[in-house]
C-alpha cells in the first residue's frame, strides 16, 4: 500500500538567550551574595580535592582513609555535592592530603 505524501515541516528558528556571567555561577543562579560566595569557595575546595583523588588514582576507600572520612562521604565529594560539605570540613581534608592553602582577599567586582 502506498504511503500518503507528507509535507516536510520547516524547523522553527531557535532563539537563544545569553546571560552575561559575573564570574560566580551561584550568583548568576540567583543566590544571595553571601550564599554564593560560600558556595563558590566550597566548590573550589572540592574541585581541588577531586583533582587530588584523581591524580593519585585513589579508590574511594583509599581516599576515605587518607582524608579521614567515610567512603560514602567521598562519593558525595566526587559527585560535587557542595551542599553536603562545610568549608571547614573541606579545609581539613585538604590538610590531611598535605595541601596548604593560601588566602588572598580582594575587593569584590560588584557589591550588592
Protein backbone atom coordinates (compact mmCIF):
# COMPACT_ATOMS: atom_id res chain seq x y z
CA UNK A 1 0.00 0.00 0.00
CA UNK A 2 1.50 3.36 -0.96
CA UNK A 3 2.27 5.83 1.80
CA UNK A 4 0.49 9.16 1.73
CA UNK A 5 2.63 12.10 0.71
CA UNK A 6 3.82 14.17 3.62
CA UNK A 7 4.93 17.70 3.67
CA UNK A 8 8.26 18.29 5.34
CA UNK A 9 7.95 20.68 8.22
CA UNK A 10 10.39 23.52 8.35
CA UNK A 11 12.30 23.66 11.59
CA UNK A 12 11.46 26.63 13.73
CA UNK A 13 14.23 29.11 14.18
CA UNK A 14 15.63 28.75 17.67
CA UNK A 15 16.02 31.74 19.86
CA UNK A 16 19.00 31.75 22.16
CA UNK A 17 19.27 33.84 25.25
CA UNK A 18 22.67 34.74 26.52
CA UNK A 19 23.20 35.99 30.03
CA UNK A 20 26.43 37.73 30.87
CA UNK A 21 28.19 35.88 33.67
CA UNK A 22 29.77 37.72 36.56
CA UNK A 23 32.35 35.06 37.46
CA UNK A 24 30.29 33.30 40.12
CA UNK A 25 27.82 30.76 38.75
CA UNK A 26 25.96 30.70 42.08
CA UNK A 27 25.32 34.45 41.94
CA UNK A 28 24.20 34.00 38.33
CA UNK A 29 21.70 31.39 39.56
CA UNK A 30 20.18 33.90 41.97
CA UNK A 31 21.78 33.00 45.29
CA UNK A 32 22.38 35.88 47.69
CA UNK A 33 25.87 37.42 47.59
CA UNK A 34 26.82 35.80 50.92
CA UNK A 35 25.49 32.38 49.99
CA UNK A 36 27.01 32.48 46.50
CA UNK A 37 30.44 33.40 47.94
CA UNK A 38 30.25 30.45 50.35
CA UNK A 39 29.12 28.05 47.62
CA UNK A 40 31.86 29.23 45.27
CA UNK A 41 34.54 28.78 47.94
CA UNK A 42 33.33 25.27 48.76
CA UNK A 43 33.12 24.36 45.06
CA UNK A 44 36.73 25.45 44.52
CA UNK A 45 37.94 23.49 47.54
CA UNK A 46 36.01 20.43 46.35
CA UNK A 47 37.44 20.74 42.85
CA UNK A 48 40.96 20.62 44.31
CA UNK A 49 40.14 17.55 46.40
CA UNK A 50 38.62 15.81 43.37
CA UNK A 51 41.74 16.66 41.35
CA UNK A 52 43.95 15.17 44.09
CA UNK A 53 41.92 11.93 44.31
CA UNK A 54 42.06 11.51 40.53
CA UNK A 55 45.74 12.48 40.19
CA UNK A 56 46.73 9.98 42.88
CA UNK A 57 44.43 7.38 41.32
CA UNK A 58 42.86 6.64 44.70
CA UNK A 59 39.89 4.38 45.13
CA UNK A 60 37.07 5.88 47.14
CA UNK A 61 38.03 3.63 50.07
CA UNK A 62 41.68 4.76 49.92
CA UNK A 63 40.64 8.40 49.60
CA UNK A 64 38.36 8.00 52.62
CA UNK A 65 41.24 6.64 54.71
CA UNK A 66 43.57 9.44 53.58
CA UNK A 67 41.03 12.20 54.18
CA UNK A 68 39.61 10.85 57.43
CA UNK A 69 36.04 10.39 56.24
CA UNK A 70 33.74 7.54 55.18
CA UNK A 71 33.56 6.13 51.66
CA UNK A 72 30.01 7.49 51.16
CA UNK A 73 31.41 10.93 52.03
CA UNK A 74 33.99 10.53 49.24
CA UNK A 75 31.19 9.52 46.89
CA UNK A 76 29.43 12.81 47.73
CA UNK A 77 32.70 14.66 47.17
CA UNK A 78 33.33 13.04 43.78
CA UNK A 79 29.78 13.94 42.72
CA UNK A 80 30.44 17.56 43.76
CA UNK A 81 27.54 17.68 46.21
CA UNK A 82 28.67 21.04 47.53
CA UNK A 83 25.68 21.42 49.85
CA UNK A 84 26.85 18.44 51.92
CA UNK A 85 30.21 19.95 52.93
CA UNK A 86 31.25 22.86 55.12
CA UNK A 87 34.28 24.95 54.27
CA UNK A 88 35.91 23.73 57.49
CA UNK A 89 35.46 20.07 56.56
CA UNK A 90 36.95 20.65 53.11
CA UNK A 91 39.93 22.57 54.53
CA UNK A 92 40.57 19.72 56.99
CA UNK A 93 40.51 17.15 54.17
CA UNK A 94 42.95 19.25 52.13
CA UNK A 95 45.29 19.47 55.14
CA UNK A 96 45.13 15.69 55.57
CA UNK A 97 46.06 15.37 51.88
CA UNK A 98 49.14 17.51 52.55
CA UNK A 99 47.84 20.63 50.83
CA UNK A 100 48.46 24.11 52.24
CA UNK A 101 46.04 26.88 51.42
CA UNK A 102 46.87 30.50 50.71
CA UNK A 103 44.10 33.02 51.09
CA UNK A 104 44.22 36.22 49.07
CA UNK A 105 41.33 38.54 49.87
CA UNK A 106 40.35 41.13 47.27
CA UNK A 107 37.60 43.65 46.72
CA UNK A 108 34.57 42.10 45.05
CA UNK A 109 33.89 43.10 41.45
CA UNK A 110 30.42 44.19 42.37
CA UNK A 111 28.79 44.55 45.72
CA UNK A 112 25.04 44.03 46.06
